[in-house]
Amino acid sequence: LKPQGGVNFIRTFKKQAEDQAVNLPSNLDELVQNATYVQS
């Protein structure tokens, strides 16, 4: 993925106890600032 910060940045990701494909984060508004996209 070649992120800024390399492997140290990858280590900041923490696996959630709940499956996030089913349970959305309670602070979703803080995490997502822009969810728009252009219609294909």
PDB file of all heavy atoms in Angstrom:
ATOM      1  N   LEU A   1       0.810  -1.217   0.000  1.00  0.00           N
ATOM      2  CA  LEU A   1       0.000   0.000   0.000  1.00  0.00           C
ATOM      3  C   LEU A   1       0.846   1.271   0.000  1.00  0.00           C
ATOM      4  O   LEU A   1       0.354   2.346  -0.343  1.00  0.00           O
ATOM      5  CB  LEU A   1      -0.932   0.001   1.220  1.00  0.00           C
ATOM      6  CG  LEU A   1      -1.922  -1.171   1.271  1.00  0.00           C
ATOM      7  CD1 LEU A   1      -2.701  -1.154   2.579  1.00  0.00           C
ATOM      8  CD2 LEU A   1      -2.886  -1.141   0.083  1.00  0.00           C
ATOM      9  N   LYS A   2       2.121   1.158   0.440  1.00  0.00           N
ATOM     10  CA  LYS A   2       3.074   2.284   0.425  1.00  0.00           C
ATOM     11  C   LYS A   2       2.526   3.556   1.094  1.00  0.00           C
ATOM     12  O   LYS A   2       2.544   4.652   0.511  1.00  0.00           O
ATOM     13  CB  LYS A   2       3.512   2.603  -1.015  1.00  0.00           C
ATOM     14  CG  LYS A   2       4.222   1.456  -1.723  1.00  0.00           C
ATOM     15  CD  LYS A   2       4.628   1.847  -3.140  1.00  0.00           C
ATOM     16  CE  LYS A   2       5.445   0.755  -3.805  1.00  0.00           C
ATOM     17  NZ  LYS A   2       4.723  -0.535  -3.922  1.00  0.00           N
ATOM     18  N   PRO A   3       2.019   3.466   2.328  1.00  0.00           N
ATOM     19  CA  PRO A   3       1.484   4.665   2.979  1.00  0.00           C
ATOM     20  C   PRO A   3       2.600   5.555   3.520  1.00  0.00           C
ATOM     21  O   PRO A   3       3.744   5.103   3.721  1.00  0.00           O
ATOM     22  CB  PRO A   3       0.695   4.076   4.148  1.00  0.00           C
ATOM     23  CG  PRO A   3       1.444   2.837   4.514  1.00  0.00           C
ATOM     24  CD  PRO A   3       1.946   2.284   3.207  1.00  0.00           C
ATOM     25  N   GLN A   4       2.289   6.823   3.777  1.00  0.00           N
ATOM     26  CA  GLN A   4       3.225   7.687   4.478  1.00  0.00           C
ATOM     27  C   GLN A   4       3.415   7.119   5.887  1.00  0.00           C
ATOM     28  O   GLN A   4       2.453   6.809   6.570  1.00  0.00           O
ATOM     29  CB  GLN A   4       2.683   9.116   4.560  1.00  0.00           C
ATOM     30  CG  GLN A   4       2.575   9.815   3.217  1.00  0.00           C
ATOM     31  CD  GLN A   4       2.044  11.241   3.362  1.00  0.00           C
ATOM     32  OE1 GLN A   4       1.988  11.791   4.457  1.00  0.00           O
ATOM     33  NE2 GLN A   4       1.649  11.843   2.247  1.00  0.00           N
ATOM     34  N   GLY A   5       4.642   6.991   6.311  1.00  0.00           N
ATOM     35  CA  GLY A   5       4.910   6.419   7.621  1.00  0.00           C
ATOM     36  C   GLY A   5       5.182   4.935   7.570  1.00  0.00           C
ATOM     37  O   GLY A   5       5.539   4.330   8.591  1.00  0.00           O
ATOM     38  N   GLY A   6       4.978   4.317   6.404  1.00  0.00           N
ATOM     39  CA  GLY A   6       5.318   2.917   6.223  1.00  0.00           C
ATOM     40  C   GLY A   6       4.657   1.980   7.214  1.00  0.00           C
ATOM     41  O   GLY A   6       3.479   2.120   7.546  1.00  0.00           O
ATOM     42  N   VAL A   7       5.446   1.040   7.736  1.00  0.00           N
ATOM     43  CA  VAL A   7       4.901   0.008   8.605  1.00  0.00           C
ATOM     44  C   VAL A   7       4.379   0.597   9.912  1.00  0.00           C
ATOM     45  O   VAL A   7       3.436   0.053  10.513  1.00  0.00           O
ATOM     46  CB  VAL A   7       5.970  -1.082   8.863  1.00  0.00           C
ATOM     47  CG1 VAL A   7       7.070  -0.576   9.778  1.00  0.00           C
ATOM     48  CG2 VAL A   7       5.322  -2.338   9.461  1.00  0.00           C
ATOM     49  N   ASN A   8       4.927   1.724  10.356  1.00  0.00           N
ATOM     50  CA  ASN A   8       4.438   2.349  11.583  1.00  0.00           C
ATOM     51  C   ASN A   8       3.002   2.845  11.419  1.00  0.00           C
ATOM     52  O   ASN A   8       2.211   2.803  12.361  1.00  0.00           O
ATOM     53  CB  ASN A   8       5.354   3.506  12.006  1.00  0.00           C
ATOM     54  CG  ASN A   8       6.696   3.005  12.500  1.00  0.00           C
ATOM     55  OD1 ASN A   8       6.786   1.935  13.099  1.00  0.00           O
ATOM     56  ND2 ASN A   8       7.762   3.766  12.235  1.00  0.00           N
ATOM     57  N   PHE A   9       2.680   3.329  10.222  1.00  0.00           N
ATOM     58  CA  PHE A   9       1.301   3.753   9.970  1.00  0.00           C
ATOM     59  C   PHE A   9       0.381   2.543   9.943  1.00  0.00           C
ATOM     60  O   PHE A   9      -0.732   2.583  10.479  1.00  0.00           O
ATOM     61  CB  PHE A   9       1.224   4.517   8.640  1.00  0.00           C
ATOM     62  CG  PHE A   9      -0.180   4.952   8.284  1.00  0.00           C
ATOM     63  CD1 PHE A   9      -0.785   5.996   8.953  1.00  0.00           C
ATOM     64  CD2 PHE A   9      -0.899   4.292   7.289  1.00  0.00           C
ATOM     65  CE1 PHE A   9      -2.082   6.387   8.629  1.00  0.00           C
ATOM     66  CE2 PHE A   9      -2.181   4.665   6.958  1.00  0.00           C
ATOM     67  CZ  PHE A   9      -2.788   5.728   7.626  1.00  0.00           C
ATOM     68  N   ILE A  10       0.816   1.448   9.333  1.00  0.00           N
ATOM     69  CA  ILE A  10       0.001   0.230   9.284  1.00  0.00           C
ATOM     70  C   ILE A  10      -0.320  -0.243  10.704  1.00  0.00           C
ATOM     71  O   ILE A  10      -1.422  -0.713  10.985  1.00  0.00           O
ATOM     72  CB  ILE A  10       0.735  -0.874   8.506  1.00  0.00           C
ATOM     73  CG1 ILE A  10       0.907  -0.472   7.027  1.00  0.00           C
ATOM     74  CG2 ILE A  10      -0.011  -2.205   8.613  1.00  0.00           C
ATOM     75  CD1 ILE A  10      -0.380  -0.300   6.268  1.00  0.00           C
ATOM     76  N   ARG A  11       0.629  -0.059  11.638  1.00  0.00           N
ATOM     77  CA  ARG A  11       0.430  -0.509  13.016  1.00  0.00           C
ATOM     78  C   ARG A  11      -0.601   0.317  13.778  1.00  0.00           C
ATOM     79  O   ARG A  11      -1.035  -0.072  14.857  1.00  0.00           O
ATOM     80  CB  ARG A  11       1.768  -0.490  13.755  1.00  0.00           C
ATOM     81  CG  ARG A  11       2.719  -1.582  13.293  1.00  0.00           C
ATOM     82  CD  ARG A  11       4.109  -1.410  13.869  1.00  0.00           C
ATOM     83  NE  ARG A  11       4.993  -2.490  13.429  1.00  0.00           N
ATOM     84  CZ  ARG A  11       6.322  -2.462  13.509  1.00  0.00           C
ATOM     85  NH1 ARG A  11       6.935  -1.388  14.012  1.00  0.00           N
ATOM     86  NH2 ARG A  11       7.036  -3.486  13.099  1.00  0.00           N
ATOM     87  N   THR A  12      -1.000   1.472  13.224  1.00  0.00           N
ATOM     88  CA  THR A  12      -2.023   2.293  13.901  1.00  0.00           C
ATOM     89  C   THR A  12      -3.426   1.738  13.687  1.00  0.00           C
ATOM     90  O   THR A  12      -4.364   2.172  14.354  1.00  0.00           O
ATOM     91  CB  THR A  12      -1.983   3.750  13.400  1.00  0.00           C
ATOM     92  OG1 THR A  12      -2.359   3.800  12.012  1.00  0.00           O
ATOM     93  CG2 THR A  12      -0.593   4.348  13.569  1.00  0.00           C
ATOM     94  N   PHE A  13      -3.594   0.787  12.762  1.00  0.00           N
ATOM     95  CA  PHE A  13      -4.900   0.181  12.518  1.00  0.00           C
ATOM     96  C   PHE A  13      -5.177  -0.875  13.573  1.00  0.00           C
ATOM     97  O   PHE A  13      -4.339  -1.743  13.838  1.00  0.00           O
ATOM     98  CB  PHE A  13      -4.947  -0.459  11.123  1.00  0.00           C
ATOM     99  CG  PHE A  13      -5.002   0.529   9.992  1.00  0.00           C
ATOM    100  CD1 PHE A  13      -3.856   1.214   9.590  1.00  0.00           C
ATOM    101  CD2 PHE A  13      -6.193   0.786   9.334  1.00  0.00           C
ATOM    102  CE1 PHE A  13      -3.903   2.126   8.551  1.00  0.00           C
ATOM    103  CE2 PHE A  13      -6.240   1.703   8.293  1.00  0.00           C
ATOM    104  CZ  PHE A  13      -5.100   2.373   7.908  1.00  0.00           C
ATOM    105  N   LYS A  14      -6.337  -0.816  14.199  1.00  0.00           N
ATOM    106  CA  LYS A  14      -6.710  -1.770  15.235  1.00  0.00           C
ATOM    107  C   LYS A  14      -7.974  -2.526  14.817  1.00  0.00           C
ATOM    108  O   LYS A  14      -8.957  -1.902  14.408  1.00  0.00           O
ATOM    109  CB  LYS A  14      -6.963  -1.051  16.568  1.00  0.00           C
ATOM    110  CG  LYS A  14      -5.767  -0.221  17.054  1.00  0.00           C
ATOM    111  CD  LYS A  14      -4.532  -1.084  17.296  1.00  0.00           C
ATOM    112  CE  LYS A  14      -3.353  -0.234  17.779  1.00  0.00           C
ATOM    113  NZ  LYS A  14      -2.107  -1.022  17.922  1.00  0.00           N
ATOM    114  N   LYS A  15      -7.914  -3.827  14.923  1.00  0.00           N
ATOM    115  CA  LYS A  15      -9.075  -4.657  14.559  1.00  0.00           C
ATOM    116  C   LYS A  15     -10.179  -4.468  15.586  1.00  0.00           C
ATOM    117  O   LYS A  15      -9.945  -4.553  16.795  1.00  0.00           O
ATOM    118  CB  LYS A  15      -8.678  -6.135  14.478  1.00  0.00           C
ATOM    119  CG  LYS A  15      -9.789  -7.036  13.947  1.00  0.00           C
ATOM    120  CD  LYS A  15      -9.282  -8.450  13.722  1.00  0.00           C
ATOM    121  CE  LYS A  15     -10.382  -9.373  13.231  1.00  0.00           C
ATOM    122  NZ  LYS A  15     -10.939  -8.960  11.930  1.00  0.00           N
ATOM    123  N   GLN A  16     -11.395  -4.194  15.103  1.00  0.00           N
ATOM    124  CA  GLN A  16     -12.542  -3.973  15.971  1.00  0.00           C
ATOM    125  C   GLN A  16     -13.133  -5.303  16.448  1.00  0.00           C
ATOM    126  O   GLN A  16     -13.034  -6.323  15.768  1.00  0.00           O
ATOM    127  CB  GLN A  16     -13.614  -3.164  15.232  1.00  0.00           C
ATOM    128  CG  GLN A  16     -13.130  -1.816  14.722  1.00  0.00           C
ATOM    129  CD  GLN A  16     -12.665  -0.910  15.840  1.00  0.00           C
ATOM    130  OE1 GLN A  16     -13.362  -0.724  16.836  1.00  0.00           O
ATOM    131  NE2 GLN A  16     -11.460  -0.347  15.695  1.00  0.00           N
ATOM    132  N   ALA A  17     -13.752  -5.252  17.607  1.00  0.00           N
ATOM    133  CA  ALA A  17     -14.363  -6.464  18.158  1.00  0.00           C
ATOM    134  C   ALA A  17     -15.567  -6.892  17.336  1.00  0.00           C
ATOM    135  O   ALA A  17     -15.853  -8.083  17.193  1.00  0.00           O
ATOM    136  CB  ALA A  17     -14.783  -6.224  19.603  1.00  0.00           C
ATOM    137  N   GLU A  18     -16.283  -5.925  16.764  1.00  0.00           N
ATOM    138  CA  GLU A  18     -17.467  -6.216  15.961  1.00  0.00           C
ATOM    139  C   GLU A  18     -17.123  -6.133  14.483  1.00  0.00           C
ATOM    140  O   GLU A  18     -16.212  -5.401  14.082  1.00  0.00           O
ATOM    141  CB  GLU A  18     -18.601  -5.231  16.281  1.00  0.00           C
ATOM    142  CG  GLU A  18     -19.160  -5.358  17.691  1.00  0.00           C
ATOM    143  CD  GLU A  18     -20.324  -4.406  17.903  1.00  0.00           C
ATOM    144  OE1 GLU A  18     -20.272  -3.275  17.381  1.00  0.00           O
ATOM    145  OE2 GLU A  18     -21.282  -4.790  18.594  1.00  0.00           O
ATOM    146  N   ASP A  19     -17.879  -6.863  13.668  1.00  0.00           N
ATOM    147  CA  ASP A  19     -17.687  -6.841  12.221  1.00  0.00           C
ATOM    148  C   ASP A  19     -18.203  -5.512  11.688  1.00  0.00           C
ATOM    149  O   ASP A  19     -19.404  -5.245  11.721  1.00  0.00           O
ATOM    150  CB  ASP A  19     -18.445  -8.019  11.591  1.00  0.00           C
ATOM    151  CG  ASP A  19     -18.203  -8.125  10.096  1.00  0.00           C
ATOM    152  OD1 ASP A  19     -17.573  -7.208   9.520  1.00  0.00           O
ATOM    153  OD2 ASP A  19     -18.655  -9.119   9.491  1.00  0.00           O
ATOM    154  N   GLN A  20     -17.309  -4.668  11.186  1.00  0.00           N
ATOM    155  CA  GLN A  20     -17.713  -3.348  10.719  1.00  0.00           C
ATOM    156  C   GLN A  20     -18.441  -3.367   9.380  1.00  0.00           C
ATOM    157  O   GLN A  20     -18.965  -2.346   8.941  1.00  0.00           O
ATOM    158  CB  GLN A  20     -16.493  -2.429  10.649  1.00  0.00           C
ATOM    159  CG  GLN A  20     -15.862  -2.177  12.004  1.00  0.00           C
ATOM    160  CD  GLN A  20     -16.864  -1.679  13.030  1.00  0.00           C
ATOM    161  OE1 GLN A  20     -17.488  -0.643  12.845  1.00  0.00           O
ATOM    162  NE2 GLN A  20     -17.045  -2.431  14.121  1.00  0.00           N
ATOM    163  N   ALA A  21     -18.477  -4.537   8.722  1.00  0.00           N
ATOM    164  CA  ALA A  21     -19.292  -4.651   7.507  1.00  0.00           C
ATOM    165  C   ALA A  21     -20.765  -4.688   7.867  1.00  0.00           C
ATOM    166  O   ALA A  21     -21.627  -4.427   7.021  1.00  0.00           O
ATOM    167  CB  ALA A  21     -18.915  -5.907   6.728  1.00  0.00           C
ATOM    168  N   VAL A  22     -21.061  -5.009   9.125  1.00  0.00           N
ATOM    169  CA  VAL A  22     -22.452  -5.093   9.594  1.00  0.00           C
ATOM    170  C   VAL A  22     -22.775  -3.962  10.559  1.00  0.00           C
ATOM    171  O   VAL A  22     -23.817  -3.318  10.476  1.00  0.00           O
ATOM    172  CB  VAL A  22     -22.715  -6.460  10.278  1.00  0.00           C
ATOM    173  CG1 VAL A  22     -24.129  -6.519  10.816  1.00  0.00           C
ATOM    174  CG2 VAL A  22     -22.448  -7.592   9.306  1.00  0.00           C
ATOM    175  N   ASN A  23     -21.847  -3.684  11.507  1.00  0.00           N
ATOM    176  CA  ASN A  23     -22.068  -2.669  12.535  1.00  0.00           C
ATOM    177  C   ASN A  23     -21.243  -1.431  12.225  1.00  0.00           C
ATOM    178  O   ASN A  23     -20.009  -1.461  12.329  1.00  0.00           O
ATOM    179  CB  ASN A  23     -21.675  -3.225  13.910  1.00  0.00           C
ATOM    180  CG  ASN A  23     -22.481  -4.459  14.266  1.00  0.00           C
ATOM    181  OD1 ASN A  23     -23.661  -4.371  14.531  1.00  0.00           O
ATOM    182  ND2 ASN A  23     -21.830  -5.619  14.234  1.00  0.00           N
ATOM    183  N   LEU A  24     -21.909  -0.356  11.852  1.00  0.00           N
ATOM    184  CA  LEU A  24     -21.198   0.876  11.523  1.00  0.00           C
ATOM    185  C   LEU A  24     -20.669   1.532  12.790  1.00  0.00           C
ATOM    186  O   LEU A  24     -21.271   1.423  13.864  1.00  0.00           O
ATOM    187  CB  LEU A  24     -22.132   1.837  10.793  1.00  0.00           C
ATOM    188  CG  LEU A  24     -22.653   1.355   9.426  1.00  0.00           C
ATOM    189  CD1 LEU A  24     -23.612   2.374   8.845  1.00  0.00           C
ATOM    190  CD2 LEU A  24     -21.496   1.123   8.468  1.00  0.00           C
ATOM    191  N   PRO A  25     -19.534   2.248  12.686  1.00  0.00           N
ATOM    192  CA  PRO A  25     -18.966   2.915  13.872  1.00  0.00           C
ATOM    193  C   PRO A  25     -19.940   3.940  14.445  1.00  0.00           C
ATOM    194  O   PRO A  25     -20.664   4.633  13.707  1.00  0.00           O
ATOM    195  CB  PRO A  25     -17.700   3.594  13.325  1.00  0.00           C
ATOM    196  CG  PRO A  25     -17.374   2.863  12.069  1.00  0.00           C
ATOM    197  CD  PRO A  25     -18.685   2.412  11.503  1.00  0.00           C
ATOM    198  N   SER A  26     -19.954   4.069  15.757  1.00  0.00           N
ATOM    199  CA  SER A  26     -20.846   5.036  16.413  1.00  0.00           C
ATOM    200  C   SER A  26     -20.437   6.475  16.091  1.00  0.00           C
ATOM    201  O   SER A  26     -21.267   7.381  16.114  1.00  0.00           O
ATOM    202  CB  SER A  26     -20.835   4.815  17.926  1.00  0.00           C
ATOM    203  OG  SER A  26     -19.506   4.917  18.437  1.00  0.00           O
ATOM    204  N   ASN A  27     -19.150   6.700  15.801  1.00  0.00           N
ATOM    205  CA  ASN A  27     -18.654   8.046  15.470  1.00  0.00           C
ATOM    206  C   ASN A  27     -18.455   8.206  13.970  1.00  0.00           C
ATOM    207  O   ASN A  27     -17.495   8.853  13.519  1.00  0.00           O
ATOM    208  CB  ASN A  27     -17.351   8.320  16.212  1.00  0.00           C
ATOM    209  CG  ASN A  27     -16.239   7.343  15.834  1.00  0.00           C
ATOM    210  OD1 ASN A  27     -16.511   6.237  15.377  1.00  0.00           O
ATOM    211  ND2 ASN A  27     -14.985   7.765  16.028  1.00  0.00           N
ATOM    212  N   LEU A  28     -19.342   7.619  13.172  1.00  0.00           N
ATOM    213  CA  LEU A  28     -19.197   7.638  11.710  1.00  0.00           C
ATOM    214  C   LEU A  28     -19.100   9.061  11.159  1.00  0.00           C
ATOM    215  O   LEU A  28     -18.330   9.324  10.236  1.00  0.00           O
ATOM    216  CB  LEU A  28     -20.383   6.901  11.073  1.00  0.00           C
ATOM    217  CG  LEU A  28     -20.360   6.739   9.551  1.00  0.00           C
ATOM    218  CD1 LEU A  28     -19.154   5.910   9.122  1.00  0.00           C
ATOM    219  CD2 LEU A  28     -21.647   6.092   9.050  1.00  0.00           C
ATOM    220  N   ASP A  29     -19.866  10.003  11.730  1.00  0.00           N
ATOM    221  CA  ASP A  29     -19.843  11.387  11.246  1.00  0.00           C
ATOM    222  C   ASP A  29     -18.467  12.025  11.418  1.00  0.00           C
ATOM    223  O   ASP A  29     -18.074  12.883  10.618  1.00  0.00           O
ATOM    224  CB  ASP A  29     -20.897  12.226  11.974  1.00  0.00           C
ATOM    225  CG  ASP A  29     -22.318  11.834  11.581  1.00  0.00           C
ATOM    226  OD1 ASP A  29     -22.468  11.195  10.520  1.00  0.00           O
ATOM    227  OD2 ASP A  29     -23.258  12.159  12.325  1.00  0.00           O
ATOM    228  N   GLU A  30     -17.744  11.613  12.444  1.00  0.00           N
ATOM    229  CA  GLU A  30     -16.398  12.150  12.657  1.00  0.00           C
ATOM    230  C   GLU A  30     -15.399  11.532  11.688  1.00  0.00           C
ATOM    231  O   GLU A  30     -14.450  12.199  11.255  1.00  0.00           O
ATOM    232  CB  GLU A  30     -15.948  11.866  14.093  1.00  0.00           C
ATOM    233  CG  GLU A  30     -16.829  12.495  15.162  1.00  0.00           C
ATOM    234  CD  GLU A  30     -16.420  12.035  16.560  1.00  0.00           C
ATOM    235  OE1 GLU A  30     -15.300  11.512  16.688  1.00  0.00           O
ATOM    236  OE2 GLU A  30     -17.230  12.195  17.489  1.00  0.00           O
ATOM    237  N   LEU A  31     -15.611  10.257  11.336  1.00  0.00           N
ATOM    238  CA  LEU A  31     -14.643   9.543  10.505  1.00  0.00           C
ATOM    239  C   LEU A  31     -14.771   9.897   9.025  1.00  0.00           C
ATOM    240  O   LEU A  31     -13.774   9.987   8.306  1.00  0.00           O
ATOM    241  CB  LEU A  31     -14.830   8.029  10.678  1.00  0.00           C
ATOM    242  CG  LEU A  31     -14.626   7.479  12.094  1.00  0.00           C
ATOM    243  CD1 LEU A  31     -14.958   5.996  12.131  1.00  0.00           C
ATOM    244  CD2 LEU A  31     -13.195   7.720  12.554  1.00  0.00           C
ATOM    245  N   VAL A  32     -16.002  10.092   8.554  1.00  0.00           N
ATOM    246  CA  VAL A  32     -16.246  10.328   7.125  1.00  0.00           C
ATOM    247  C   VAL A  32     -16.644  11.784   6.912  1.00  0.00           C
ATOM    248  O   VAL A  32     -17.661  12.242   7.440  1.00  0.00           O
ATOM    249  CB  VAL A  32     -17.369   9.394   6.599  1.00  0.00           C
ATOM    250  CG1 VAL A  32     -17.639   9.687   5.124  1.00  0.00           C
ATOM    251  CG2 VAL A  32     -16.980   7.937   6.808  1.00  0.00           C
ATOM    252  N   GLN A  33     -15.831  12.489   6.162  1.00  0.00           N
ATOM    253  CA  GLN A  33     -16.109  13.904   5.891  1.00  0.00           C
ATOM    254  C   GLN A  33     -16.817  14.117   4.543  1.00  0.00           C
ATOM    255  O   GLN A  33     -17.552  15.068   4.365  1.00  0.00           O
ATOM    256  CB  GLN A  33     -14.810  14.723   5.908  1.00  0.00           C
ATOM    257  CG  GLN A  33     -14.236  14.977   7.297  1.00  0.00           C
ATOM    258  CD  GLN A  33     -13.488  13.782   7.840  1.00  0.00           C
ATOM    259  OE1 GLN A  33     -12.656  13.199   7.142  1.00  0.00           O
ATOM    260  NE2 GLN A  33     -13.765  13.405   9.081  1.00  0.00           N
ATOM    261  N   ASN A  34     -16.571  13.232   3.593  1.00  0.00           N
ATOM    262  CA  ASN A  34     -17.154  13.418   2.259  1.00  0.00           C
ATOM    263  C   ASN A  34     -17.418  12.051   1.643  1.00  0.00           C
ATOM    264  O   ASN A  34     -16.482  11.290   1.387  1.00  0.00           O
ATOM    265  CB  ASN A  34     -16.190  14.221   1.379  1.00  0.00           C
ATOM    266  CG  ASN A  34     -16.801  14.559   0.019  1.00  0.00           C
ATOM    267  OD1 ASN A  34     -17.868  14.064  -0.333  1.00  0.00           O
ATOM    268  ND2 ASN A  34     -16.128  15.408  -0.736  1.00  0.00           N
ATOM    269  N   ALA A  35     -18.683  11.738   1.415  1.00  0.00           N
ATOM    270  CA  ALA A  35     -19.048  10.434   0.847  1.00  0.00           C
ATOM    271  C   ALA A  35     -19.708  10.569  -0.522  1.00  0.00           C
ATOM    272  O   ALA A  35     -20.441   9.691  -0.962  1.00  0.00           O
ATOM    273  CB  ALA A  35     -19.994   9.698   1.801  1.00  0.00           C
ATOM    274  N   THR A  36     -19.450  11.695  -1.184  1.00  0.00           N
ATOM    275  CA  THR A  36     -20.057  11.911  -2.497  1.00  0.00           C
ATOM    276  C   THR A  36     -19.217  11.249  -3.584  1.00  0.00           C
ATOM    277  O   THR A  36     -18.021  11.035  -3.429  1.00  0.00           O
ATOM    278  CB  THR A  36     -20.191  13.406  -2.810  1.00  0.00           C
ATOM    279  OG1 THR A  36     -18.885  13.991  -2.826  1.00  0.00           O
ATOM    280  CG2 THR A  36     -21.046  14.104  -1.763  1.00  0.00           C
ATOM    281  N   TYR A  37     -19.856  10.948  -4.700  1.00  0.00           N
ATOM    282  CA  TYR A  37     -19.149  10.409  -5.859  1.00  0.00           C
ATOM    283  C   TYR A  37     -19.944  10.765  -7.104  1.00  0.00           C
ATOM    284  O   TYR A  37     -21.128  11.085  -7.043  1.00  0.00           O
ATOM    285  CB  TYR A  37     -18.987   8.886  -5.758  1.00  0.00           C
ATOM    286  CG  TYR A  37     -20.289   8.132  -5.638  1.00  0.00           C
ATOM    287  CD1 TYR A  37     -20.979   7.704  -6.771  1.00  0.00           C
ATOM    288  CD2 TYR A  37     -20.848   7.858  -4.390  1.00  0.00           C
ATOM    289  CE1 TYR A  37     -22.174   7.025  -6.667  1.00  0.00           C
ATOM    290  CE2 TYR A  37     -22.048   7.179  -4.279  1.00  0.00           C
ATOM    291  CZ  TYR A  37     -22.706   6.759  -5.416  1.00  0.00           C
ATOM    292  OH  TYR A  37     -23.900   6.092  -5.312  1.00  0.00           O
ATOM    293  N   VAL A  38     -19.282  10.713  -8.237  1.00  0.00           N
ATOM    294  CA  VAL A  38     -19.921  11.034  -9.516  1.00  0.00           C
ATOM    295  C   VAL A  38     -20.582   9.775 -10.057  1.00  0.00           C
ATOM    296  O   VAL A  38     -19.980   8.705 -10.089  1.00  0.00           O
ATOM    297  CB  VAL A  38     -18.875  11.563 -10.520  1.00  0.00           C
ATOM    298  CG1 VAL A  38     -19.539  11.831 -11.864  1.00  0.00           C
ATOM    299  CG2 VAL A  38     -18.227  12.824  -9.970  1.00  0.00           C
ATOM    300  N   GLN A  39     -21.854   9.899 -10.457  1.00  0.00           N
ATOM    301  CA  GLN A  39     -22.584   8.757 -11.021  1.00  0.00           C
ATOM    302  C   GLN A  39     -21.886   8.264 -12.284  1.00  0.00           C
ATOM    303  O   GLN A  39     -21.535   9.048 -13.166  1.00  0.00           O
ATOM    304  CB  GLN A  39     -24.029   9.170 -11.360  1.00  0.00           C
ATOM    305  CG  GLN A  39     -24.867   8.093 -12.011  1.00  0.00           C
ATOM    306  CD  GLN A  39     -25.491   7.126 -11.020  1.00  0.00           C
ATOM    307  OE1 GLN A  39     -25.262   7.234  -9.830  1.00  0.00           O
ATOM    308  NE2 GLN A  39     -26.280   6.196 -11.507  1.00  0.00           N
ATOM    309  N   SER A  40     -21.677   6.972 -12.361  1.00  0.00           N
ATOM    310  CA  SER A  40     -21.046   6.382 -13.542  1.00  0.00           C
ATOM    311  C   SER A  40     -21.995   6.440 -14.738  1.00  0.00           C
ATOM    312  O   SER A  40     -23.211   6.549 -14.569  1.00  0.00           O
ATOM    313  CB  SER A  40     -20.666   4.929 -13.254  1.00  0.00           C
ATOM    314  OG  SER A  40     -19.791   4.840 -12.155  1.00  0.00           O
TER     315      SER A  40
END
